[in-house]
Amino acid sequence: TALVTPEEHLLGAQVVVVAWVLAATAVGQAVGWAVEGVRRTPRGVL
């Protein structure tokens, strides 16, 4: 992002990157719990 973004928009672009990291981590965590729940069912591992 720092390489391809003009200097006047760099700060805003990096804030968006941080927000995306937070959102993706939270979504990934929710999906991870859901898959773990499926894995713990009788035929979940398969």
ModelCIF file with pLDDT and N, C-alpha, C, O atoms, coordinates in Angstrom:
data_MODEL
#
_entry.id   MODEL 
#
_entity.id                         1 
_entity.type                       polymer 
_entity.pdbx_number_of_molecules   1 
#
_entity_poly.entity_id                      1 
_entity_poly.type                           'polypeptide(L)' 
_entity_poly.nstd_linkage                   no 
_entity_poly.nstd_monomer                   no 
_entity_poly.pdbx_seq_one_letter_code       TALVTPEEHLLGAQVVVVAWVLAATAVGQAVGWAVEGVRRTPRGVL 
_entity_poly.pdbx_seq_one_letter_code_can   TALVTPEEHLLGAQVVVVAWVLAATAVGQAVGWAVEGVRRTPRGVL 
_entity_poly.pdbx_strand_id                 A 
#
loop_
_entity_poly_seq.entity_id 
_entity_poly_seq.num 
_entity_poly_seq.mon_id 
_entity_poly_seq.hetero 
1 1  THR n 
1 2  ALA n 
1 3  LEU n 
1 4  VAL n 
1 5  THR n 
1 6  PRO n 
1 7  GLU n 
1 8  GLU n 
1 9  HIS n 
1 10 LEU n 
1 11 LEU n 
1 12 GLY n 
1 13 ALA n 
1 14 GLN n 
1 15 VAL n 
1 16 VAL n 
1 17 VAL n 
1 18 VAL n 
1 19 ALA n 
1 20 TRP n 
1 21 VAL n 
1 22 LEU n 
1 23 ALA n 
1 24 ALA n 
1 25 THR n 
1 26 ALA n 
1 27 VAL n 
1 28 GLY n 
1 29 GLN n 
1 30 ALA n 
1 31 VAL n 
1 32 GLY n 
1 33 TRP n 
1 34 ALA n 
1 35 VAL n 
1 36 GLU n 
1 37 GLY n 
1 38 VAL n 
1 39 ARG n 
1 40 ARG n 
1 41 THR n 
1 42 PRO n 
1 43 ARG n 
1 44 GLY n 
1 45 VAL n 
1 46 LEU n 
#
_struct_asym.id          A 
_struct_asym.entity_id   1 
#
loop_
_ma_qa_metric.id 
_ma_qa_metric.mode 
_ma_qa_metric.name 
_ma_qa_metric.software_group_id 
_ma_qa_metric.type 
1 global pLDDT . pLDDT 
2 local  pLDDT . pLDDT 
#
_ma_qa_metric_global.metric_id      1 
_ma_qa_metric_global.metric_value   87.11 
_ma_qa_metric_global.model_id       1 
_ma_qa_metric_global.ordinal_id     1 
#
loop_
_ma_qa_metric_local.label_asym_id 
_ma_qa_metric_local.label_comp_id 
_ma_qa_metric_local.label_seq_id 
_ma_qa_metric_local.metric_id 
_ma_qa_metric_local.metric_value 
_ma_qa_metric_local.model_id 
_ma_qa_metric_local.ordinal_id 
A THR 1  2 84.00 1 1  
A ALA 2  2 83.00 1 2  
A LEU 3  2 79.00 1 3  
A VAL 4  2 80.00 1 4  
A THR 5  2 81.00 1 5  
A PRO 6  2 80.00 1 6  
A GLU 7  2 79.00 1 7  
A GLU 8  2 81.00 1 8  
A HIS 9  2 81.00 1 9  
A LEU 10 2 84.00 1 10 
A LEU 11 2 86.00 1 11 
A GLY 12 2 86.00 1 12 
A ALA 13 2 87.00 1 13 
A GLN 14 2 88.00 1 14 
A VAL 15 2 90.00 1 15 
A VAL 16 2 90.00 1 16 
A VAL 17 2 90.00 1 17 
A VAL 18 2 91.00 1 18 
A ALA 19 2 92.00 1 19 
A TRP 20 2 92.00 1 20 
A VAL 21 2 92.00 1 21 
A LEU 22 2 92.00 1 22 
A ALA 23 2 92.00 1 23 
A ALA 24 2 91.00 1 24 
A THR 25 2 91.00 1 25 
A ALA 26 2 92.00 1 26 
A VAL 27 2 92.00 1 27 
A GLY 28 2 90.00 1 28 
A GLN 29 2 90.00 1 29 
A ALA 30 2 91.00 1 30 
A VAL 31 2 91.00 1 31 
A GLY 32 2 89.00 1 32 
A TRP 33 2 90.00 1 33 
A ALA 34 2 90.00 1 34 
A VAL 35 2 89.00 1 35 
A GLU 36 2 87.00 1 36 
A GLY 37 2 88.00 1 37 
A VAL 38 2 88.00 1 38 
A ARG 39 2 86.00 1 39 
A ARG 40 2 86.00 1 40 
A THR 41 2 87.00 1 41 
A PRO 42 2 86.00 1 42 
A ARG 43 2 84.00 1 43 
A GLY 44 2 83.00 1 44 
A VAL 45 2 81.00 1 45 
A LEU 46 2 85.00 1 46 
#
loop_
_atom_site.group_PDB 
_atom_site.id 
_atom_site.type_symbol 
_atom_site.label_atom_id 
_atom_site.label_alt_id 
_atom_site.label_comp_id 
_atom_site.label_asym_id 
_atom_site.label_entity_id 
_atom_site.label_seq_id 
_atom_site.pdbx_PDB_ins_code 
_atom_site.Cartn_x 
_atom_site.Cartn_y 
_atom_site.Cartn_z 
_atom_site.occupancy 
_atom_site.B_iso_or_equiv 
_atom_site.pdbx_formal_charge 
_atom_site.auth_seq_id 
_atom_site.auth_comp_id 
_atom_site.auth_asym_id 
_atom_site.auth_atom_id 
_atom_site.pdbx_PDB_model_num 
ATOM 1   N N  . THR A 1 1  ? 0.832   -1.210  0.000  1.00 84.00 ? 1  THR A N  1 
ATOM 2   C CA . THR A 1 1  ? 0.000   0.000   0.000  1.00 84.00 ? 1  THR A CA 1 
ATOM 3   C C  . THR A 1 1  ? 0.862   1.254   0.000  1.00 84.00 ? 1  THR A C  1 
ATOM 4   O O  . THR A 1 1  ? 0.564   2.215   -0.709 1.00 84.00 ? 1  THR A O  1 
ATOM 5   N N  . ALA A 1 2  ? 1.937   1.247   0.798  1.00 83.00 ? 2  ALA A N  1 
ATOM 6   C CA . ALA A 1 2  ? 2.831   2.398   0.830  1.00 83.00 ? 2  ALA A CA 1 
ATOM 7   C C  . ALA A 1 2  ? 3.523   2.614   -0.513 1.00 83.00 ? 2  ALA A C  1 
ATOM 8   O O  . ALA A 1 2  ? 3.811   3.753   -0.882 1.00 83.00 ? 2  ALA A O  1 
ATOM 9   N N  . LEU A 1 3  ? 3.790   1.551   -1.236 1.00 79.00 ? 3  LEU A N  1 
ATOM 10  C CA . LEU A 1 3  ? 4.451   1.690   -2.537 1.00 79.00 ? 3  LEU A CA 1 
ATOM 11  C C  . LEU A 1 3  ? 3.545   2.305   -3.605 1.00 79.00 ? 3  LEU A C  1 
ATOM 12  O O  . LEU A 1 3  ? 3.991   3.134   -4.400 1.00 79.00 ? 3  LEU A O  1 
ATOM 13  N N  . VAL A 1 4  ? 2.284   1.901   -3.621 1.00 80.00 ? 4  VAL A N  1 
ATOM 14  C CA . VAL A 1 4  ? 1.413   2.264   -4.748 1.00 80.00 ? 4  VAL A CA 1 
ATOM 15  C C  . VAL A 1 4  ? 0.519   3.456   -4.459 1.00 80.00 ? 4  VAL A C  1 
ATOM 16  O O  . VAL A 1 4  ? -0.179  3.922   -5.360 1.00 80.00 ? 4  VAL A O  1 
ATOM 17  N N  . THR A 1 5  ? 0.516   3.968   -3.229 1.00 81.00 ? 5  THR A N  1 
ATOM 18  C CA . THR A 1 5  ? -0.395  5.055   -2.865 1.00 81.00 ? 5  THR A CA 1 
ATOM 19  C C  . THR A 1 5  ? 0.323   6.397   -2.932 1.00 81.00 ? 5  THR A C  1 
ATOM 20  O O  . THR A 1 5  ? 1.441   6.517   -2.431 1.00 81.00 ? 5  THR A O  1 
ATOM 21  N N  . PRO A 1 6  ? -0.293  7.404   -3.538 1.00 80.00 ? 6  PRO A N  1 
ATOM 22  C CA . PRO A 1 6  ? 0.303   8.750   -3.520 1.00 80.00 ? 6  PRO A CA 1 
ATOM 23  C C  . PRO A 1 6  ? 0.439   9.276   -2.094 1.00 80.00 ? 6  PRO A C  1 
ATOM 24  O O  . PRO A 1 6  ? -0.300  8.873   -1.195 1.00 80.00 ? 6  PRO A O  1 
ATOM 25  N N  . GLU A 1 7  ? 1.390   10.175  -1.905 1.00 79.00 ? 7  GLU A N  1 
ATOM 26  C CA . GLU A 1 7  ? 1.701   10.640  -0.560 1.00 79.00 ? 7  GLU A CA 1 
ATOM 27  C C  . GLU A 1 7  ? 0.508   11.305  0.121  1.00 79.00 ? 7  GLU A C  1 
ATOM 28  O O  . GLU A 1 7  ? 0.324   11.156  1.329  1.00 79.00 ? 7  GLU A O  1 
ATOM 29  N N  . GLU A 1 8  ? -0.301  12.035  -0.639 1.00 81.00 ? 8  GLU A N  1 
ATOM 30  C CA . GLU A 1 8  ? -1.417  12.748  -0.022 1.00 81.00 ? 8  GLU A CA 1 
ATOM 31  C C  . GLU A 1 8  ? -2.518  11.820  0.485  1.00 81.00 ? 8  GLU A C  1 
ATOM 32  O O  . GLU A 1 8  ? -3.324  12.229  1.320  1.00 81.00 ? 8  GLU A O  1 
ATOM 33  N N  . HIS A 1 9  ? -2.569  10.579  -0.002 1.00 81.00 ? 9  HIS A N  1 
ATOM 34  C CA . HIS A 1 9  ? -3.594  9.625   0.434  1.00 81.00 ? 9  HIS A CA 1 
ATOM 35  C C  . HIS A 1 9  ? -3.018  8.478   1.267  1.00 81.00 ? 9  HIS A C  1 
ATOM 36  O O  . HIS A 1 9  ? -3.738  7.537   1.601  1.00 81.00 ? 9  HIS A O  1 
ATOM 37  N N  . LEU A 1 10 ? -1.718  8.547   1.606  1.00 84.00 ? 10 LEU A N  1 
ATOM 38  C CA . LEU A 1 10 ? -1.077  7.416   2.256  1.00 84.00 ? 10 LEU A CA 1 
ATOM 39  C C  . LEU A 1 10 ? -1.667  7.129   3.631  1.00 84.00 ? 10 LEU A C  1 
ATOM 40  O O  . LEU A 1 10 ? -1.965  5.977   3.946  1.00 84.00 ? 10 LEU A O  1 
ATOM 41  N N  . LEU A 1 11 ? -1.838  8.154   4.445  1.00 86.00 ? 11 LEU A N  1 
ATOM 42  C CA . LEU A 1 11 ? -2.345  7.942   5.799  1.00 86.00 ? 11 LEU A CA 1 
ATOM 43  C C  . LEU A 1 11 ? -3.719  7.279   5.771  1.00 86.00 ? 11 LEU A C  1 
ATOM 44  O O  . LEU A 1 11 ? -3.953  6.303   6.484  1.00 86.00 ? 11 LEU A O  1 
ATOM 45  N N  . GLY A 1 12 ? -4.623  7.802   4.954  1.00 86.00 ? 12 GLY A N  1 
ATOM 46  C CA . GLY A 1 12 ? -5.955  7.209   4.867  1.00 86.00 ? 12 GLY A CA 1 
ATOM 47  C C  . GLY A 1 12 ? -5.920  5.776   4.375  1.00 86.00 ? 12 GLY A C  1 
ATOM 48  O O  . GLY A 1 12 ? -6.653  4.928   4.883  1.00 86.00 ? 12 GLY A O  1 
ATOM 49  N N  . ALA A 1 13 ? -5.074  5.493   3.388  1.00 87.00 ? 13 ALA A N  1 
ATOM 50  C CA . ALA A 1 13 ? -4.983  4.133   2.859  1.00 87.00 ? 13 ALA A CA 1 
ATOM 51  C C  . ALA A 1 13 ? -4.482  3.161   3.921  1.00 87.00 ? 13 ALA A C  1 
ATOM 52  O O  . ALA A 1 13 ? -4.978  2.039   4.022  1.00 87.00 ? 13 ALA A O  1 
ATOM 53  N N  . GLN A 1 14 ? -3.500  3.587   4.713  1.00 88.00 ? 14 GLN A N  1 
ATOM 54  C CA . GLN A 1 14 ? -2.986  2.687   5.746  1.00 88.00 ? 14 GLN A CA 1 
ATOM 55  C C  . GLN A 1 14 ? -4.005  2.466   6.870  1.00 88.00 ? 14 GLN A C  1 
ATOM 56  O O  . GLN A 1 14 ? -4.056  1.388   7.462  1.00 88.00 ? 14 GLN A O  1 
ATOM 57  N N  . VAL A 1 15 ? -4.810  3.485   7.158  1.00 90.00 ? 15 VAL A N  1 
ATOM 58  C CA . VAL A 1 15 ? -5.888  3.288   8.138  1.00 90.00 ? 15 VAL A CA 1 
ATOM 59  C C  . VAL A 1 15 ? -6.888  2.258   7.614  1.00 90.00 ? 15 VAL A C  1 
ATOM 60  O O  . VAL A 1 15 ? -7.387  1.429   8.377  1.00 90.00 ? 15 VAL A O  1 
ATOM 61  N N  . VAL A 1 16 ? -7.181  2.309   6.314  1.00 90.00 ? 16 VAL A N  1 
ATOM 62  C CA . VAL A 1 16 ? -8.081  1.321   5.719  1.00 90.00 ? 16 VAL A CA 1 
ATOM 63  C C  . VAL A 1 16 ? -7.476  -0.075  5.819  1.00 90.00 ? 16 VAL A C  1 
ATOM 64  O O  . VAL A 1 16 ? -8.190  -1.039  6.096  1.00 90.00 ? 16 VAL A O  1 
ATOM 65  N N  . VAL A 1 17 ? -6.177  -0.193  5.598  1.00 90.00 ? 17 VAL A N  1 
ATOM 66  C CA . VAL A 1 17 ? -5.509  -1.494  5.707  1.00 90.00 ? 17 VAL A CA 1 
ATOM 67  C C  . VAL A 1 17 ? -5.656  -2.042  7.127  1.00 90.00 ? 17 VAL A C  1 
ATOM 68  O O  . VAL A 1 17 ? -5.969  -3.218  7.314  1.00 90.00 ? 17 VAL A O  1 
ATOM 69  N N  . VAL A 1 18 ? -5.432  -1.190  8.122  1.00 91.00 ? 18 VAL A N  1 
ATOM 70  C CA . VAL A 1 18 ? -5.568  -1.634  9.514  1.00 91.00 ? 18 VAL A CA 1 
ATOM 71  C C  . VAL A 1 18 ? -7.008  -2.066  9.796  1.00 91.00 ? 18 VAL A C  1 
ATOM 72  O O  . VAL A 1 18 ? -7.237  -3.078  10.457 1.00 91.00 ? 18 VAL A O  1 
ATOM 73  N N  . ALA A 1 19 ? -7.977  -1.296  9.294  1.00 92.00 ? 19 ALA A N  1 
ATOM 74  C CA . ALA A 1 19 ? -9.385  -1.667  9.494  1.00 92.00 ? 19 ALA A CA 1 
ATOM 75  C C  . ALA A 1 19 ? -9.704  -2.987  8.810  1.00 92.00 ? 19 ALA A C  1 
ATOM 76  O O  . ALA A 1 19 ? -10.449 -3.804  9.352  1.00 92.00 ? 19 ALA A O  1 
ATOM 77  N N  . TRP A 1 20 ? -9.145  -3.201  7.625  1.00 92.00 ? 20 TRP A N  1 
ATOM 78  C CA . TRP A 1 20 ? -9.366  -4.475  6.936  1.00 92.00 ? 20 TRP A CA 1 
ATOM 79  C C  . TRP A 1 20 ? -8.751  -5.635  7.715  1.00 92.00 ? 20 TRP A C  1 
ATOM 80  O O  . TRP A 1 20 ? -9.344  -6.711  7.801  1.00 92.00 ? 20 TRP A O  1 
ATOM 81  N N  . VAL A 1 21 ? -7.567  -5.419  8.282  1.00 92.00 ? 21 VAL A N  1 
ATOM 82  C CA . VAL A 1 21 ? -6.922  -6.457  9.079  1.00 92.00 ? 21 VAL A CA 1 
ATOM 83  C C  . VAL A 1 21 ? -7.805  -6.832  10.270 1.00 92.00 ? 21 VAL A C  1 
ATOM 84  O O  . VAL A 1 21 ? -7.973  -8.013  10.572 1.00 92.00 ? 21 VAL A O  1 
ATOM 85  N N  . LEU A 1 22 ? -8.366  -5.831  10.943 1.00 92.00 ? 22 LEU A N  1 
ATOM 86  C CA . LEU A 1 22 ? -9.244  -6.102  12.083 1.00 92.00 ? 22 LEU A CA 1 
ATOM 87  C C  . LEU A 1 22 ? -10.494 -6.856  11.638 1.00 92.00 ? 22 LEU A C  1 
ATOM 88  O O  . LEU A 1 22 ? -10.894 -7.832  12.274 1.00 92.00 ? 22 LEU A O  1 
ATOM 89  N N  . ALA A 1 23 ? -11.113 -6.399  10.537 1.00 92.00 ? 23 ALA A N  1 
ATOM 90  C CA . ALA A 1 23 ? -12.336 -7.052  10.064 1.00 92.00 ? 23 ALA A CA 1 
ATOM 91  C C  . ALA A 1 23 ? -12.057 -8.486  9.620  1.00 92.00 ? 23 ALA A C  1 
ATOM 92  O O  . ALA A 1 23 ? -12.805 -9.400  9.965  1.00 92.00 ? 23 ALA A O  1 
ATOM 93  N N  . ALA A 1 24 ? -10.985 -8.683  8.858  1.00 91.00 ? 24 ALA A N  1 
ATOM 94  C CA . ALA A 1 24 ? -10.665 -10.024 8.379  1.00 91.00 ? 24 ALA A CA 1 
ATOM 95  C C  . ALA A 1 24 ? -10.338 -10.961 9.536  1.00 91.00 ? 24 ALA A C  1 
ATOM 96  O O  . ALA A 1 24 ? -10.710 -12.134 9.504  1.00 91.00 ? 24 ALA A O  1 
ATOM 97  N N  . THR A 1 25 ? -9.647  -10.458 10.555 1.00 91.00 ? 25 THR A N  1 
ATOM 98  C CA . THR A 1 25 ? -9.324  -11.288 11.715 1.00 91.00 ? 25 THR A CA 1 
ATOM 99  C C  . THR A 1 25 ? -10.586 -11.705 12.453 1.00 91.00 ? 25 THR A C  1 
ATOM 100 O O  . THR A 1 25 ? -10.727 -12.864 12.845 1.00 91.00 ? 25 THR A O  1 
ATOM 101 N N  . ALA A 1 26 ? -11.510 -10.759 12.645 1.00 92.00 ? 26 ALA A N  1 
ATOM 102 C CA . ALA A 1 26 ? -12.756 -11.076 13.343 1.00 92.00 ? 26 ALA A CA 1 
ATOM 103 C C  . ALA A 1 26 ? -13.604 -12.068 12.549 1.00 92.00 ? 26 ALA A C  1 
ATOM 104 O O  . ALA A 1 26 ? -14.160 -13.008 13.117 1.00 92.00 ? 26 ALA A O  1 
ATOM 105 N N  . VAL A 1 27 ? -13.703 -11.857 11.228 1.00 92.00 ? 27 VAL A N  1 
ATOM 106 C CA . VAL A 1 27 ? -14.464 -12.793 10.391 1.00 92.00 ? 27 VAL A CA 1 
ATOM 107 C C  . VAL A 1 27 ? -13.801 -14.165 10.389 1.00 92.00 ? 27 VAL A C  1 
ATOM 108 O O  . VAL A 1 27 ? -14.481 -15.184 10.514 1.00 92.00 ? 27 VAL A O  1 
ATOM 109 N N  . GLY A 1 28 ? -12.484 -14.198 10.249 1.00 90.00 ? 28 GLY A N  1 
ATOM 110 C CA . GLY A 1 28 ? -11.771 -15.468 10.264 1.00 90.00 ? 28 GLY A CA 1 
ATOM 111 C C  . GLY A 1 28 ? -11.956 -16.204 11.580 1.00 90.00 ? 28 GLY A C  1 
ATOM 112 O O  . GLY A 1 28 ? -12.072 -17.429 11.598 1.00 90.00 ? 28 GLY A O  1 
ATOM 113 N N  . GLN A 1 29 ? -11.986 -15.454 12.697 1.00 90.00 ? 29 GLN A N  1 
ATOM 114 C CA . GLN A 1 29 ? -12.196 -16.091 13.988 1.00 90.00 ? 29 GLN A CA 1 
ATOM 115 C C  . GLN A 1 29 ? -13.578 -16.725 14.078 1.00 90.00 ? 29 GLN A C  1 
ATOM 116 O O  . GLN A 1 29 ? -13.725 -17.840 14.579 1.00 90.00 ? 29 GLN A O  1 
ATOM 117 N N  . ALA A 1 30 ? -14.599 -16.006 13.585 1.00 91.00 ? 30 ALA A N  1 
ATOM 118 C CA . ALA A 1 30 ? -15.959 -16.554 13.596 1.00 91.00 ? 30 ALA A CA 1 
ATOM 119 C C  . ALA A 1 30 ? -16.050 -17.816 12.746 1.00 91.00 ? 30 ALA A C  1 
ATOM 120 O O  . ALA A 1 30 ? -16.665 -18.800 13.157 1.00 91.00 ? 30 ALA A O  1 
ATOM 121 N N  . VAL A 1 31 ? -15.439 -17.792 11.563 1.00 91.00 ? 31 VAL A N  1 
ATOM 122 C CA . VAL A 1 31 ? -15.441 -18.977 10.700 1.00 91.00 ? 31 VAL A CA 1 
ATOM 123 C C  . VAL A 1 31 ? -14.673 -20.117 11.367 1.00 91.00 ? 31 VAL A C  1 
ATOM 124 O O  . VAL A 1 31 ? -15.079 -21.276 11.282 1.00 91.00 ? 31 VAL A O  1 
ATOM 125 N N  . GLY A 1 32 ? -13.572 -19.787 12.024 1.00 89.00 ? 32 GLY A N  1 
ATOM 126 C CA . GLY A 1 32 ? -12.788 -20.814 12.706 1.00 89.00 ? 32 GLY A CA 1 
ATOM 127 C C  . GLY A 1 32 ? -13.571 -21.515 13.792 1.00 89.00 ? 32 GLY A C  1 
ATOM 128 O O  . GLY A 1 32 ? -13.487 -22.736 13.925 1.00 89.00 ? 32 GLY A O  1 
ATOM 129 N N  . TRP A 1 33 ? -14.337 -20.760 14.579 1.00 90.00 ? 33 TRP A N  1 
ATOM 130 C CA . TRP A 1 33 ? -15.172 -21.388 15.608 1.00 90.00 ? 33 TRP A CA 1 
ATOM 131 C C  . TRP A 1 33 ? -16.245 -22.267 14.977 1.00 90.00 ? 33 TRP A C  1 
ATOM 132 O O  . TRP A 1 33 ? -16.528 -23.359 15.470 1.00 90.00 ? 33 TRP A O  1 
ATOM 133 N N  . ALA A 1 34 ? -16.844 -21.788 13.880 1.00 90.00 ? 34 ALA A N  1 
ATOM 134 C CA . ALA A 1 34 ? -17.881 -22.583 13.227 1.00 90.00 ? 34 ALA A CA 1 
ATOM 135 C C  . ALA A 1 34 ? -17.322 -23.913 12.706 1.00 90.00 ? 34 ALA A C  1 
ATOM 136 O O  . ALA A 1 34 ? -17.945 -24.962 12.873 1.00 90.00 ? 34 ALA A O  1 
ATOM 137 N N  . VAL A 1 35 ? -16.155 -23.862 12.081 1.00 89.00 ? 35 VAL A N  1 
ATOM 138 C CA . VAL A 1 35 ? -15.538 -25.093 11.569 1.00 89.00 ? 35 VAL A CA 1 
ATOM 139 C C  . VAL A 1 35 ? -15.145 -26.007 12.723 1.00 89.00 ? 35 VAL A C  1 
ATOM 140 O O  . VAL A 1 35 ? -15.271 -27.226 12.617 1.00 89.00 ? 35 VAL A O  1 
ATOM 141 N N  . GLU A 1 36 ? -14.670 -25.430 13.824 1.00 87.00 ? 36 GLU A N  1 
ATOM 142 C CA . GLU A 1 36 ? -14.317 -26.255 14.975 1.00 87.00 ? 36 GLU A CA 1 
ATOM 143 C C  . GLU A 1 36 ? -15.555 -26.926 15.557 1.00 87.00 ? 36 GLU A C  1 
ATOM 144 O O  . GLU A 1 36 ? -15.488 -28.071 16.004 1.00 87.00 ? 36 GLU A O  1 
ATOM 145 N N  . GLY A 1 37 ? -16.687 -26.219 15.556 1.00 88.00 ? 37 GLY A N  1 
ATOM 146 C CA . GLY A 1 37 ? -17.920 -26.841 16.013 1.00 88.00 ? 37 GLY A CA 1 
ATOM 147 C C  . GLY A 1 37 ? -18.325 -28.016 15.136 1.00 88.00 ? 37 GLY A C  1 
ATOM 148 O O  . GLY A 1 37 ? -18.739 -29.061 15.637 1.00 88.00 ? 37 GLY A O  1 
ATOM 149 N N  . VAL A 1 38 ? -18.202 -27.838 13.808 1.00 88.00 ? 38 VAL A N  1 
ATOM 150 C CA . VAL A 1 38 ? -18.499 -28.943 12.891 1.00 88.00 ? 38 VAL A CA 1 
ATOM 151 C C  . VAL A 1 38 ? -17.530 -30.095 13.133 1.00 88.00 ? 38 VAL A C  1 
ATOM 152 O O  . VAL A 1 38 ? -17.929 -31.259 13.109 1.00 88.00 ? 38 VAL A O  1 
ATOM 153 N N  . ARG A 1 39 ? -16.262 -29.775 13.364 1.00 86.00 ? 39 ARG A N  1 
ATOM 154 C CA . ARG A 1 39 ? -15.248 -30.813 13.565 1.00 86.00 ? 39 ARG A CA 1 
ATOM 155 C C  . ARG A 1 39 ? -15.541 -31.655 14.810 1.00 86.00 ? 39 ARG A C  1 
ATOM 156 O O  . ARG A 1 39 ? -15.169 -32.827 14.860 1.00 86.00 ? 39 ARG A O  1 
ATOM 157 N N  . ARG A 1 40 ? -16.191 -31.083 15.794 1.00 86.00 ? 40 ARG A N  1 
ATOM 158 C CA . ARG A 1 40 ? -16.459 -31.798 17.043 1.00 86.00 ? 40 ARG A CA 1 
ATOM 159 C C  . ARG A 1 40 ? -17.757 -32.604 17.012 1.00 86.00 ? 40 ARG A C  1 
ATOM 160 O O  . ARG A 1 40 ? -18.091 -33.257 18.001 1.00 86.00 ? 40 ARG A O  1 
ATOM 161 N N  . THR A 1 41 ? -18.489 -32.573 15.910 1.00 87.00 ? 41 THR A N  1 
ATOM 162 C CA . THR A 1 41 ? -19.669 -33.411 15.767 1.00 87.00 ? 41 THR A CA 1 
ATOM 163 C C  . THR A 1 41 ? -19.243 -34.842 15.438 1.00 87.00 ? 41 THR A C  1 
ATOM 164 O O  . THR A 1 41 ? -18.075 -35.065 15.121 1.00 87.00 ? 41 THR A O  1 
ATOM 165 N N  . PRO A 1 42 ? -20.165 -35.833 15.505 1.00 86.00 ? 42 PRO A N  1 
ATOM 166 C CA . PRO A 1 42 ? -19.760 -37.242 15.318 1.00 86.00 ? 42 PRO A CA 1 
ATOM 167 C C  . PRO A 1 42 ? -18.979 -37.512 14.043 1.00 86.00 ? 42 PRO A C  1 
ATOM 168 O O  . PRO A 1 42 ? -17.985 -38.236 14.091 1.00 86.00 ? 42 PRO A O  1 
ATOM 169 N N  . ARG A 1 43 ? -19.385 -36.961 12.904 1.00 84.00 ? 43 ARG A N  1 
ATOM 170 C CA . ARG A 1 43 ? -18.649 -37.181 11.648 1.00 84.00 ? 43 ARG A CA 1 
ATOM 171 C C  . ARG A 1 43 ? -17.999 -35.886 11.171 1.00 84.00 ? 43 ARG A C  1 
ATOM 172 O O  . ARG A 1 43 ? -17.751 -35.705 9.979  1.00 84.00 ? 43 ARG A O  1 
ATOM 173 N N  . GLY A 1 44 ? -17.732 -35.006 12.098 1.00 83.00 ? 44 GLY A N  1 
ATOM 174 C CA . GLY A 1 44 ? -17.227 -33.686 11.735 1.00 83.00 ? 44 GLY A CA 1 
ATOM 175 C C  . GLY A 1 44 ? -15.825 -33.684 11.175 1.00 83.00 ? 44 GLY A C  1 
ATOM 176 O O  . GLY A 1 44 ? -15.527 -32.920 10.256 1.00 83.00 ? 44 GLY A O  1 
ATOM 177 N N  . VAL A 1 45 ? -14.943 -34.537 11.717 1.00 81.00 ? 45 VAL A N  1 
ATOM 178 C CA . VAL A 1 45 ? -13.556 -34.561 11.233 1.00 81.00 ? 45 VAL A CA 1 
ATOM 179 C C  . VAL A 1 45 ? -13.512 -34.923 9.758  1.00 81.00 ? 45 VAL A C  1 
ATOM 180 O O  . VAL A 1 45 ? -12.804 -34.289 8.976  1.00 81.00 ? 45 VAL A O  1 
ATOM 181 N N  . LEU A 1 46 ? -14.271 -35.945 9.382  1.00 85.00 ? 46 LEU A N  1 
ATOM 182 C CA . LEU A 1 46 ? -14.320 -36.344 7.977  1.00 85.00 ? 46 LEU A CA 1 
ATOM 183 C C  . LEU A 1 46 ? -14.936 -35.241 7.121  1.00 85.00 ? 46 LEU A C  1 
ATOM 184 O O  . LEU A 1 46 ? -15.059 -35.399 5.906  1.00 85.00 ? 46 LEU A O  1 
#
